[in-house]
C-alpha cells in the first residue's frame, strides 16, 4: 500500500488540546497595578525616551556638571552616531531616573499637573543581589498653587497601602537630601516588623520650576521616586533582584 495515499484519521470526538497561555512578568503586574492606583487618584501617565540628554537628566533638575550630587548617579554615556547631534548640543546618556520625564512634561503643559511615569533606568554599577545595571522606576509629580507636604504624605500612604494590600500598613517620613526637591524626605514602610526604605520624595525645588519656565512664587508641588523592582522584592520576599531578568519561567510563573 502506498503510504502517501493513506489518509490520516481524525477523531472529532476527542477533547481539544488547550493552547499554552502566556504569563505576565511580576514587574509588568506591578506597573499595571501602580497605574491603576494612581489613575484612581486622578494622575495621568506620562512617558519619555530612555536615551536622554544631559540637560533633561541632570541640568534641568538642579544638578549641573559641577554639582557634587552628580556622583550619586553612575551614568552610562552614549556615543552620538555620526550625523546626529544631542538635544541642545549636550551629551547623550541612558537615563538614570525617570524624573527626566517630569521636566519634559512641565515644558509642554501648564499646571495643574498630576502625573506619574514608569520605565527602565540604567546605572553603571556592579551587579549583585540588590543592584542591577537596569531596573524599573516609578516617578510622580504634582504641581499647582497649593500642593504641600501633607498632600504628598496622603498620596504616598494611599499608594503603599493599596500596593501592598494592607490597610494598616505603617508609613513614615525621614529628612533627607535630593537636589531637585527641598525639603526632601525618605519614605519607609514597616513590613514584616522591620522599617524598609522604599522611596525618596519632597517639595519640588524652585529652581526646577524656573528651569521649566514656571513662576515659583505662584506654583509649588511635590515629587517622588522609587524603584519598582524593590517594591516587588519586598512584597513577595524575593532576595535577589537578578531573578527578574533571568528569563527563568520557574520564577516568573510563581506570580
Protein backbone atom coordinates (compact mmCIF):
# COMPACT_ATOMS: atom_id res chain seq x y z
CA UNK A 1 0.00 0.00 0.00
CA UNK A 2 1.26 3.45 -0.91
CA UNK A 3 1.81 5.17 2.42
CA UNK A 4 1.49 8.57 0.75
CA UNK A 5 -2.09 7.77 -0.16
CA UNK A 6 -3.13 6.72 3.38
CA UNK A 7 -5.48 9.33 4.82
CA UNK A 8 -4.93 10.37 8.42
CA UNK A 9 -7.82 9.58 10.72
CA UNK A 10 -9.10 12.50 12.80
CA UNK A 11 -11.24 11.70 15.82
CA UNK A 12 -13.59 14.69 16.00
CA UNK A 13 -14.93 13.47 19.35
CA UNK A 14 -11.53 13.71 21.09
CA UNK A 15 -11.11 16.62 23.54
CA UNK A 16 -9.10 19.56 22.20
CA UNK A 17 -5.66 20.49 23.41
CA UNK A 18 -5.61 23.71 25.40
CA UNK A 19 -3.01 26.13 23.99
CA UNK A 20 -0.36 27.44 26.34
CA UNK A 21 -1.32 30.73 27.97
CA UNK A 22 1.25 33.48 28.43
CA UNK A 23 2.13 34.85 31.85
CA UNK A 24 2.73 38.46 32.83
CA UNK A 25 6.10 39.24 34.36
CA UNK A 26 5.88 40.30 38.05
CA UNK A 27 7.29 43.75 37.17
CA UNK A 28 4.63 44.16 34.47
CA UNK A 29 1.98 43.23 37.03
CA UNK A 30 3.41 45.82 39.44
CA UNK A 31 3.31 48.55 36.79
CA UNK A 32 -0.26 47.71 35.83
CA UNK A 33 -1.38 47.83 39.45
CA UNK A 34 0.56 51.04 40.08
CA UNK A 35 -1.03 52.70 37.05
CA UNK A 36 -4.50 51.70 38.23
CA UNK A 37 -3.88 53.03 41.77
CA UNK A 38 -2.64 56.44 40.64
CA UNK A 39 -5.24 56.83 37.91
CA UNK A 40 -7.88 56.27 40.59
CA UNK A 41 -6.35 59.29 42.39
CA UNK A 42 -6.55 61.48 39.28
CA UNK A 43 -2.98 61.09 37.98
CA UNK A 44 -2.10 60.77 34.29
CA UNK A 45 0.66 58.51 32.98
CA UNK A 46 3.47 60.26 31.08
CA UNK A 47 6.33 58.76 29.11
CA UNK A 48 9.74 59.80 27.79
CA UNK A 49 12.85 58.48 25.99
CA UNK A 50 15.30 56.03 27.54
CA UNK A 51 18.19 57.70 25.69
CA UNK A 52 18.20 61.14 27.24
CA UNK A 53 20.18 64.37 27.02
CA UNK A 54 22.38 65.60 29.84
CA UNK A 55 20.12 68.63 30.15
CA UNK A 56 16.92 66.75 30.98
CA UNK A 57 18.61 64.07 33.08
CA UNK A 58 20.73 66.45 35.19
CA UNK A 59 20.88 70.18 34.46
CA UNK A 60 17.15 70.92 34.48
CA UNK A 61 16.86 69.01 37.77
CA UNK A 62 19.24 71.36 39.59
CA UNK A 63 22.23 69.03 39.05
CA UNK A 64 24.70 70.97 36.83
CA UNK A 65 28.04 69.48 35.77
CA UNK A 66 29.92 70.93 38.77
CA UNK A 67 27.31 69.74 41.32
CA UNK A 68 28.69 67.12 43.76
CA UNK A 69 25.32 65.29 43.68
CA UNK A 70 26.10 64.28 40.07
CA UNK A 71 28.22 61.47 41.56
CA UNK A 72 25.06 59.94 43.13
CA UNK A 73 24.20 58.55 39.70
CA UNK A 74 26.67 56.23 37.93
CA UNK A 75 25.94 57.08 34.33
CA UNK A 76 26.15 55.21 31.04
CA UNK A 77 27.19 57.82 28.47
CA UNK A 78 26.18 57.21 24.85
CA UNK A 79 28.41 57.95 21.88
CA UNK A 80 26.50 60.06 19.38
CA UNK A 81 26.02 58.39 15.99
CA UNK A 82 27.57 60.14 13.02
CA UNK A 83 25.40 62.95 11.70
CA UNK A 84 23.16 63.10 14.79
CA UNK A 85 23.61 65.74 17.48
CA UNK A 86 22.31 65.59 21.02
CA UNK A 87 19.49 67.89 22.06
CA UNK A 88 20.60 71.48 22.64
CA UNK A 89 24.18 70.47 21.96
CA UNK A 90 24.55 68.27 25.05
CA UNK A 91 25.86 64.76 25.54
CA UNK A 92 23.54 61.75 25.42
CA UNK A 93 23.16 59.11 28.11
CA UNK A 94 20.96 56.25 29.22
CA UNK A 95 18.59 57.92 31.66
CA UNK A 96 19.50 57.32 35.29
CA UNK A 97 15.95 58.08 36.51
CA UNK A 98 12.53 58.72 35.02
CA UNK A 99 12.50 62.13 36.71
CA UNK A 100 13.63 63.44 33.33
CA UNK A 101 10.07 62.80 32.13
CA UNK A 102 8.82 65.39 34.65
CA UNK A 103 10.83 68.21 33.06
CA UNK A 104 9.74 67.29 29.55
CA UNK A 105 6.11 67.28 30.69
CA UNK A 106 6.46 70.60 32.55
CA UNK A 107 7.85 72.26 29.43
CA UNK A 108 4.80 71.43 27.34
CA UNK A 109 1.99 71.53 29.92
CA UNK A 110 0.68 74.15 32.31
CA UNK A 111 -0.37 73.49 35.94
CA UNK A 112 -2.34 71.97 37.50
CA UNK A 113 -0.29 68.84 36.81
CA UNK A 114 -0.67 65.33 38.28
CA UNK A 115 1.45 62.72 36.52
CA UNK A 116 3.37 59.54 37.12
CA UNK A 117 5.94 57.92 34.83
CA UNK A 118 7.28 54.38 34.85
CA UNK A 119 10.06 52.75 32.89
CA UNK A 120 13.58 51.38 32.68
CA UNK A 121 16.52 53.32 34.05
CA UNK A 122 20.21 52.49 33.88
CA UNK A 123 23.11 52.74 36.35
CA UNK A 124 26.74 51.86 35.64
CA UNK A 125 27.37 49.83 38.79
CA UNK A 126 28.34 46.33 39.86
CA UNK A 127 25.59 43.72 39.77
CA UNK A 128 24.70 41.78 42.92
CA UNK A 129 21.62 40.56 44.81
CA UNK A 130 20.38 44.11 45.43
CA UNK A 131 21.80 46.02 42.43
CA UNK A 132 21.28 45.76 38.67
CA UNK A 133 22.57 47.84 35.79
CA UNK A 134 18.95 48.30 34.71
CA UNK A 135 15.79 48.40 36.77
CA UNK A 136 12.30 49.89 36.66
CA UNK A 137 11.46 53.12 38.40
CA UNK A 138 8.26 54.97 39.31
CA UNK A 139 8.25 58.75 39.48
CA UNK A 140 5.41 61.12 40.37
CA UNK A 141 4.80 64.86 40.15
CA UNK A 142 2.02 67.15 41.31
CA UNK A 143 2.15 70.90 40.62
CA UNK A 144 -0.48 73.52 41.41
CA UNK A 145 -0.86 76.62 43.57
CA UNK A 146 -1.49 74.85 46.87
CA UNK A 147 0.17 71.39 46.84
CA UNK A 148 2.05 70.75 50.08
CA UNK A 149 3.83 68.12 52.14
CA UNK A 150 0.57 66.94 53.70
CA UNK A 151 -0.71 66.11 50.19
CA UNK A 152 2.50 64.20 49.46
CA UNK A 153 2.13 62.13 52.63
CA UNK A 154 -1.51 61.34 51.87
CA UNK A 155 -0.69 60.18 48.32
CA UNK A 156 2.26 58.06 49.47
CA UNK A 157 0.27 56.36 52.23
CA UNK A 158 -2.66 55.66 49.91
CA UNK A 159 -0.39 54.14 47.27
CA UNK A 160 1.63 51.89 49.56
CA UNK A 161 -1.40 50.61 51.45
CA UNK A 162 -3.09 49.68 48.17
CA UNK A 163 0.04 48.26 46.53
CA UNK A 164 0.87 46.03 49.50
CA UNK A 165 -2.85 45.24 50.08
CA UNK A 166 -2.54 46.27 53.73
CA UNK A 167 -4.88 48.97 55.04
CA UNK A 168 -2.97 49.04 58.36
CA UNK A 169 0.48 49.46 56.78
CA UNK A 170 2.68 51.90 58.71
CA UNK A 171 4.47 54.57 56.65
CA UNK A 172 6.99 57.06 57.99
CA UNK A 173 8.95 60.01 56.57
CA UNK A 174 12.53 60.99 57.43
CA UNK A 175 14.53 64.11 56.42
CA UNK A 176 16.91 63.52 53.52
CA UNK A 177 18.58 65.26 50.56
CA UNK A 178 17.90 65.28 46.83
CA UNK A 179 19.00 68.21 44.65
CA UNK A 180 15.64 68.60 42.86
CA UNK A 181 13.43 68.81 45.98
CA UNK A 182 13.54 70.92 49.14
CA UNK A 183 12.65 69.86 51.77
CA UNK A 184 13.37 66.23 50.94
CA UNK A 185 12.28 63.06 52.72
CA UNK A 186 12.95 59.33 52.67
CA UNK A 187 9.81 57.19 52.81
CA UNK A 188 9.82 53.94 54.81
CA UNK A 189 7.21 51.23 55.24
CA UNK A 190 7.02 48.77 58.12
CA UNK A 191 6.97 45.32 56.57
CA UNK A 192 7.44 42.10 58.50
CA UNK A 193 8.16 44.06 61.67
CA UNK A 194 11.05 46.00 60.06
CA UNK A 195 11.27 49.50 58.63
CA UNK A 196 12.32 49.42 54.97
CA UNK A 197 13.29 52.41 52.85
CA UNK A 198 11.21 52.38 49.66
CA UNK A 199 11.12 55.90 48.18
CA UNK A 200 12.55 59.39 48.06
CA UNK A 201 10.33 62.46 47.84
CA UNK A 202 9.91 66.13 48.68
CA UNK A 203 8.68 69.54 47.57
CA UNK A 204 9.87 70.50 44.08
CA UNK A 205 12.85 72.87 44.24
CA UNK A 206 12.01 76.40 42.98
CA UNK A 207 14.97 76.24 40.57
CA UNK A 208 13.44 73.20 38.87
CA UNK A 209 10.19 75.13 38.33
CA UNK A 210 12.12 78.10 36.98
CA UNK A 211 14.05 75.87 34.55
CA UNK A 212 10.65 74.80 33.21
CA UNK A 213 9.67 78.49 32.90
CA UNK A 214 7.08 78.33 35.69
CA UNK A 215 6.62 81.07 38.28
CA UNK A 216 7.97 79.57 41.54
CA UNK A 217 6.17 82.30 43.52
CA UNK A 218 2.83 81.13 42.14
CA UNK A 219 3.25 77.39 41.74
CA UNK A 220 4.51 74.68 44.05
CA UNK A 221 4.31 70.94 44.23
CA UNK A 222 5.81 67.64 45.23
CA UNK A 223 7.67 64.82 43.52
CA UNK A 224 8.53 61.25 44.47
CA UNK A 225 10.57 58.41 43.05
CA UNK A 226 11.10 54.74 43.85
CA UNK A 227 12.37 51.51 42.36
CA UNK A 228 9.54 49.17 41.35
CA UNK A 229 11.89 46.19 41.49
CA UNK A 230 12.48 46.83 45.19
CA UNK A 231 8.75 47.13 45.92
CA UNK A 232 8.08 43.78 44.28
CA UNK A 233 11.02 42.22 46.15
CA UNK A 234 9.61 43.47 49.47
CA UNK A 235 6.06 42.40 48.70
CA UNK A 236 6.96 38.86 47.60
CA UNK A 237 10.05 38.36 49.77
CA UNK A 238 12.40 37.99 46.79
CA UNK A 239 16.05 38.06 47.86
CA UNK A 240 17.81 38.61 44.51
CA UNK A 241 16.91 41.35 42.01
CA UNK A 242 18.70 39.47 39.23
CA UNK A 243 15.88 36.89 39.17
CA UNK A 244 13.66 39.45 37.44
CA UNK A 245 15.97 39.45 34.41
CA UNK A 246 17.00 35.79 34.37
CA UNK A 247 14.26 34.66 31.97
CA UNK A 248 13.64 31.64 34.23
CA UNK A 249 9.99 30.63 33.80
CA UNK A 250 10.09 28.66 37.05
CA UNK A 251 10.50 32.00 38.83
CA UNK A 252 8.11 34.09 36.70
CA UNK A 253 5.21 31.59 36.88
CA UNK A 254 5.07 31.89 40.68
CA UNK A 255 3.40 35.30 40.44
